[in-house]
Amino acid sequence: MIEPRRSAPAPAWPAAVELADAAAARAGVVTRSAVGAELGRVLARFEATWGAGRGPDRSMLQAIAHAGNTILVAVPAAEIGTDVSVLGATLGFLGWEKGLHLHSHMNAVDPSVRGRGIGVALKLRQRALCLERGIDEMRWTYDPLIRRNAHMNLVRLGAEVAAFRPDFYGRLDDRISGADRSDRFEVRWRLDSPRTRRALAGRPQPDWSSHGGLALVADFEQVRADAPAEAARLRERAHESFAALDAARLRPEVGATGDYVFTNDDPDREAS
């Protein structure tokens, strides 16, 4: 039998558990590790979101879970037992490029219950589990043109953009992206940083100094479905803007209008 080796929990861990519990309660769910037959339901949730064959198969999920990585589910708080509905699921695995971290790769929520905060509740459960195990950073990627995701990641959670990754996954041809280019922002979430504590406490962001920016359409996914040529134009314009950020030593933040502001301010600064 392999004996586990674990780092000491971070001091922020108990408060992180309370925060995750509270977020789940507000969303009307329980968030926890997937068990037994729920791995099949996790796979079904991923396939319902991205399409059949667009994620790991059942055996890969089993191996990832067995290795101790986070495969979490959000299930209705009112349901008990083993035959429960999986309303949301998330998958994360450890990485060590530029420091040990959890890479949170997939996060899917049933469309019928979106807007309840289930995605945030799953991220907060991942955060609590990381801090319990002495891991103080999570990373993931998101499409920078999806306005609601930008707000959730940078404002509500307090993650920050670490890099622009042009066409990171190649052509996906999945249910969400279709033939669109897979440009992504990679974000890092320093789990107990001043920035994260500010965001999770609901304190206001600072008024970021601006060295340019980019306006976001309200619903890029709808534009992509209804007007692909316009979506491609918006993608190209954004690509040019984001590709210049590193050379200028700027990063994007979400400003008061919900659009991107390019700034070199300290990411941990508080509002005046």
Protein backbone atom coordinates (compact mmCIF):
# COMPACT_ATOMS: atom_id res chain seq x y z
CA MET A 1 0.00 0.00 0.00
CA ILE A 2 1.34 3.43 -0.93
CA GLU A 3 1.46 5.80 2.02
CA PRO A 4 0.44 9.37 1.11
CA ARG A 5 2.80 12.30 1.48
CA ARG A 6 1.11 15.65 2.00
CA SER A 7 2.24 19.19 2.59
CA ALA A 8 0.92 21.04 5.61
CA PRO A 9 -2.37 22.85 4.92
CA ALA A 10 -2.06 26.58 4.35
CA PRO A 11 -3.32 28.84 7.16
CA ALA A 12 -6.09 30.04 4.84
CA TRP A 13 -7.51 26.53 4.42
CA PRO A 14 -10.26 26.53 7.10
CA ALA A 15 -11.65 29.84 5.84
CA ALA A 16 -11.48 28.53 2.26
CA VAL A 17 -13.61 25.52 3.23
CA GLU A 18 -16.20 27.81 4.84
CA LEU A 19 -16.26 30.00 1.73
CA ALA A 20 -16.70 26.99 -0.56
CA ASP A 21 -19.49 25.61 1.65
CA ALA A 22 -21.28 28.96 1.64
CA ALA A 23 -21.03 29.35 -2.15
CA ALA A 24 -22.42 25.84 -2.67
CA ALA A 25 -25.29 26.51 -0.26
CA ARG A 26 -26.21 29.72 -2.11
CA ALA A 27 -26.25 27.77 -5.38
CA GLY A 28 -28.43 25.05 -3.82
CA VAL A 29 -25.83 22.33 -4.36
CA VAL A 30 -23.21 20.26 -2.60
CA THR A 31 -19.75 20.32 -4.19
CA ARG A 32 -17.46 17.34 -3.58
CA SER A 33 -15.27 14.74 -5.25
CA ALA A 34 -16.99 12.44 -7.74
CA VAL A 35 -17.42 8.89 -6.48
CA GLY A 36 -18.07 5.56 -8.17
CA ALA A 37 -20.56 5.68 -11.02
CA GLU A 38 -20.56 9.49 -10.94
CA LEU A 39 -17.47 9.48 -13.18
CA GLY A 40 -19.79 8.39 -15.99
CA ARG A 41 -22.10 11.30 -15.20
CA VAL A 42 -19.12 13.67 -15.21
CA LEU A 43 -18.22 12.44 -18.67
CA ALA A 44 -21.85 12.92 -19.77
CA ARG A 45 -21.83 16.49 -18.46
CA PHE A 46 -18.64 17.27 -20.38
CA GLU A 47 -19.99 15.71 -23.57
CA ALA A 48 -23.29 17.60 -23.23
CA THR A 49 -21.25 20.81 -23.11
CA TRP A 50 -18.55 20.26 -25.74
CA GLY A 51 -19.85 17.31 -27.75
CA ALA A 52 -19.15 13.58 -27.81
CA GLY A 53 -15.47 12.71 -27.97
CA ARG A 54 -14.34 16.24 -27.02
CA GLY A 55 -12.97 15.35 -23.60
CA PRO A 56 -11.29 12.52 -21.72
CA ASP A 57 -12.81 9.06 -21.89
CA ARG A 58 -14.05 7.10 -18.87
CA SER A 59 -10.75 5.28 -18.31
CA MET A 60 -8.80 8.54 -18.36
CA LEU A 61 -11.16 10.07 -15.79
CA GLN A 62 -10.65 6.98 -13.62
CA ALA A 63 -6.86 7.31 -13.82
CA ILE A 64 -6.95 11.05 -13.09
CA ALA A 65 -9.21 10.51 -10.08
CA HIS A 66 -7.15 7.58 -8.80
CA ALA A 67 -4.02 9.73 -8.90
CA GLY A 68 -5.71 12.13 -6.49
CA ASN A 69 -6.50 14.98 -8.86
CA THR A 70 -9.69 17.01 -8.55
CA ILE A 71 -12.71 15.62 -10.37
CA LEU A 72 -15.52 17.41 -8.60
CA VAL A 73 -19.28 17.45 -8.97
CA ALA A 74 -22.05 19.80 -7.96
CA VAL A 75 -25.15 17.83 -6.99
CA PRO A 76 -28.53 19.12 -5.74
CA ALA A 77 -28.46 19.74 -2.00
CA ALA A 78 -31.94 18.21 -1.72
CA GLU A 79 -30.92 14.87 -3.25
CA ILE A 80 -29.26 12.16 -1.17
CA GLY A 81 -27.81 8.75 -1.90
CA THR A 82 -25.74 7.63 -4.87
CA ASP A 83 -28.23 8.17 -7.71
CA VAL A 84 -28.04 11.96 -7.82
CA SER A 85 -28.07 14.47 -10.66
CA VAL A 86 -24.73 16.01 -11.65
CA LEU A 87 -25.53 19.67 -12.33
CA GLY A 88 -21.90 20.69 -12.72
CA ALA A 89 -18.49 19.08 -12.98
CA THR A 90 -14.90 20.23 -13.02
CA LEU A 91 -11.60 18.54 -13.77
CA GLY A 92 -8.16 19.65 -12.61
CA PHE A 93 -4.71 18.07 -12.50
CA LEU A 94 -1.33 18.98 -11.07
CA GLY A 95 1.33 20.72 -13.13
CA TRP A 96 4.80 22.01 -12.32
CA GLU A 97 5.70 24.34 -15.20
CA LYS A 98 6.96 27.55 -13.52
CA GLY A 99 5.97 26.22 -10.11
CA LEU A 100 3.63 23.59 -8.67
CA HIS A 101 -0.02 24.38 -9.36
CA LEU A 102 -3.38 22.83 -10.15
CA HIS A 103 -4.42 23.25 -13.77
CA SER A 104 -8.23 23.54 -13.77
CA HIS A 105 -8.95 22.26 -17.26
CA MET A 106 -12.72 21.71 -17.63
CA ASN A 107 -15.69 23.28 -15.85
CA ALA A 108 -19.19 22.49 -17.15
CA VAL A 109 -22.62 23.39 -15.79
CA ASP A 110 -26.05 22.23 -16.97
CA PRO A 111 -27.50 25.13 -19.03
CA SER A 112 -30.81 24.87 -17.14
CA VAL A 113 -29.14 25.97 -13.88
CA ARG A 114 -26.59 28.48 -15.14
CA GLY A 115 -26.60 31.81 -13.34
CA ARG A 116 -26.92 30.21 -9.89
CA GLY A 117 -23.17 30.38 -9.16
CA ILE A 118 -22.44 26.67 -9.56
CA GLY A 119 -19.30 27.26 -11.63
CA VAL A 120 -17.91 29.60 -8.98
CA ALA A 121 -18.82 27.12 -6.23
CA LEU A 122 -16.83 24.39 -7.99
CA LYS A 123 -13.81 26.67 -8.38
CA LEU A 124 -13.97 27.58 -4.68
CA ARG A 125 -14.07 23.88 -3.75
CA GLN A 126 -10.97 23.32 -5.88
CA ARG A 127 -9.31 26.22 -4.10
CA ALA A 128 -10.09 24.76 -0.68
CA LEU A 129 -8.74 21.35 -1.67
CA CYS A 130 -5.55 22.93 -3.02
CA LEU A 131 -4.92 24.95 0.14
CA GLU A 132 -5.57 21.85 2.25
CA ARG A 133 -2.75 20.14 0.36
CA GLY A 134 -0.33 23.06 0.51
CA ILE A 135 -0.83 24.17 -3.12
CA ASP A 136 -1.26 27.92 -3.40
CA GLU A 137 -1.86 28.46 -7.12
CA MET A 138 -4.35 27.38 -9.76
CA ARG A 139 -4.24 28.09 -13.49
CA TRP A 140 -6.61 27.66 -16.41
CA THR A 141 -7.41 29.12 -19.81
CA TYR A 142 -10.49 30.92 -21.09
CA ASP A 143 -11.67 32.52 -24.29
CA PRO A 144 -10.88 36.23 -23.78
CA LEU A 145 -13.87 37.34 -25.86
CA ILE A 146 -16.46 35.72 -23.58
CA ARG A 147 -17.44 38.68 -21.42
CA ARG A 148 -19.09 36.77 -18.55
CA ASN A 149 -16.05 34.50 -18.19
CA ALA A 150 -13.71 37.49 -18.09
CA HIS A 151 -15.78 38.99 -15.28
CA MET A 152 -15.97 35.73 -13.33
CA ASN A 153 -12.26 34.98 -13.62
CA LEU A 154 -10.70 38.41 -13.13
CA VAL A 155 -13.26 40.23 -10.98
CA ARG A 156 -15.31 37.69 -9.02
CA LEU A 157 -12.49 35.21 -8.32
CA GLY A 158 -9.48 37.52 -8.50
CA ALA A 159 -7.39 35.52 -10.97
CA GLU A 160 -5.07 37.49 -13.24
CA VAL A 161 -3.99 37.08 -16.85
CA ALA A 162 -0.52 35.52 -17.05
CA ALA A 163 -0.21 35.09 -20.83
CA PHE A 164 -1.97 35.29 -24.17
CA ARG A 165 -1.94 31.90 -25.91
CA PRO A 166 -2.80 32.28 -29.62
CA ASP A 167 -4.75 29.35 -31.08
CA PHE A 168 -3.74 27.36 -27.99
CA TYR A 169 -5.73 24.17 -28.70
CA GLY A 170 -5.79 24.41 -32.48
CA ARG A 171 -9.10 24.04 -34.30
CA LEU A 172 -11.52 22.42 -31.85
CA ASP A 173 -14.65 21.91 -33.95
CA ASP A 174 -16.59 21.36 -30.72
CA ARG A 175 -20.13 22.36 -29.81
CA ILE A 176 -19.01 25.71 -28.38
CA SER A 177 -16.13 26.92 -30.57
CA GLY A 178 -16.93 25.39 -33.94
CA ALA A 179 -14.31 26.47 -36.46
CA ASP A 180 -13.28 29.55 -34.48
CA ARG A 181 -9.61 30.02 -33.62
CA SER A 182 -8.85 28.89 -30.05
CA ASP A 183 -7.12 32.04 -28.78
CA ARG A 184 -6.95 31.90 -24.98
CA PHE A 185 -5.87 33.85 -21.95
CA GLU A 186 -4.01 31.77 -19.42
CA VAL A 187 -4.83 32.96 -15.90
CA ARG A 188 -3.12 32.30 -12.61
CA TRP A 189 -5.09 32.33 -9.38
CA ARG A 190 -2.83 32.99 -6.41
CA LEU A 191 -5.13 31.40 -3.90
CA ASP A 192 -4.32 33.45 -0.82
CA SER A 193 -3.04 36.66 -2.41
CA PRO A 194 -4.29 40.13 -1.43
CA ARG A 195 -5.97 40.32 -4.84
CA THR A 196 -7.85 37.06 -4.32
CA ARG A 197 -8.86 37.95 -0.78
CA ARG A 198 -10.18 41.31 -2.03
CA ALA A 199 -12.21 39.68 -4.80
CA LEU A 200 -13.67 36.91 -2.65
CA ALA A 201 -14.62 39.39 0.06
CA GLY A 202 -16.52 41.42 -2.56
CA ARG A 203 -14.43 44.56 -2.08
CA PRO A 204 -14.29 46.88 -5.11
CA GLN A 205 -11.53 46.70 -7.66
CA PRO A 206 -9.14 49.63 -7.96
CA ASP A 207 -9.61 52.17 -10.71
CA TRP A 208 -6.95 50.65 -12.98
CA SER A 209 -4.68 53.07 -14.82
CA SER A 210 -5.27 52.61 -18.53
CA HIS A 211 -2.79 52.28 -21.38
CA GLY A 212 -5.38 51.25 -23.92
CA GLY A 213 -8.02 48.56 -23.87
CA LEU A 214 -10.52 46.54 -25.84
CA ALA A 215 -14.32 46.74 -25.85
CA LEU A 216 -16.16 43.42 -25.59
CA VAL A 217 -19.47 42.60 -27.20
CA ALA A 218 -22.21 41.54 -24.79
CA ASP A 219 -22.51 37.99 -26.17
CA PHE A 220 -19.68 36.91 -28.45
CA GLU A 221 -21.01 33.33 -28.59
CA GLN A 222 -24.27 34.59 -30.10
CA VAL A 223 -22.35 36.70 -32.63
CA ARG A 224 -20.27 33.65 -33.55
CA ALA A 225 -23.44 31.63 -34.15
CA ASP A 226 -25.38 34.30 -36.05
CA ALA A 227 -22.65 36.24 -37.86
CA PRO A 228 -19.45 34.17 -38.24
CA ALA A 229 -17.74 36.74 -40.45
CA GLU A 230 -18.25 39.46 -37.83
CA ALA A 231 -17.03 37.09 -35.12
CA ALA A 232 -13.88 36.39 -37.14
CA ARG A 233 -13.29 40.14 -37.51
CA LEU A 234 -13.67 40.65 -33.76
CA ARG A 235 -11.31 37.73 -33.11
CA GLU A 236 -8.65 39.16 -35.41
CA ARG A 237 -8.89 42.62 -33.85
CA ALA A 238 -8.56 41.13 -30.36
CA HIS A 239 -5.67 38.90 -31.43
CA GLU A 240 -3.69 41.94 -32.60
CA SER A 241 -4.37 43.83 -29.37
CA PHE A 242 -3.51 40.93 -27.05
CA ALA A 243 -0.37 39.92 -28.96
CA ALA A 244 1.15 43.35 -28.22
CA LEU A 245 0.63 43.19 -24.44
CA ASP A 246 3.80 41.32 -23.46
CA ALA A 247 6.12 43.69 -25.34
CA ALA A 248 4.42 46.66 -23.67
CA ARG A 249 4.52 44.92 -20.24
CA LEU A 250 0.80 45.35 -19.85
CA ARG A 251 -1.94 42.97 -18.77
CA PRO A 252 -5.71 43.14 -19.24
CA GLU A 253 -8.12 43.82 -16.39
CA VAL A 254 -11.90 44.19 -16.55
CA GLY A 255 -12.79 47.82 -15.99
CA ALA A 256 -15.90 49.46 -14.60
CA THR A 257 -17.71 49.22 -17.98
CA GLY A 258 -17.06 45.47 -18.30
CA ASP A 259 -14.49 45.99 -21.06
CA TYR A 260 -10.76 45.28 -20.96
CA VAL A 261 -8.37 47.89 -19.66
CA PHE A 262 -4.66 47.38 -20.34
CA THR A 263 -2.61 48.33 -17.29
CA ASN A 264 0.73 47.86 -15.55
CA ASP A 265 -0.61 48.53 -12.05
CA ASP A 266 0.27 46.23 -9.17
CA PRO A 267 -2.34 43.43 -9.44
CA ASP A 268 -2.63 43.30 -5.63
CA ARG A 269 -3.44 46.96 -5.10
CA GLU A 270 -6.65 47.91 -3.31
CA ALA A 271 -9.19 50.49 -4.38
CA SER A 272 -8.41 53.99 -3.19
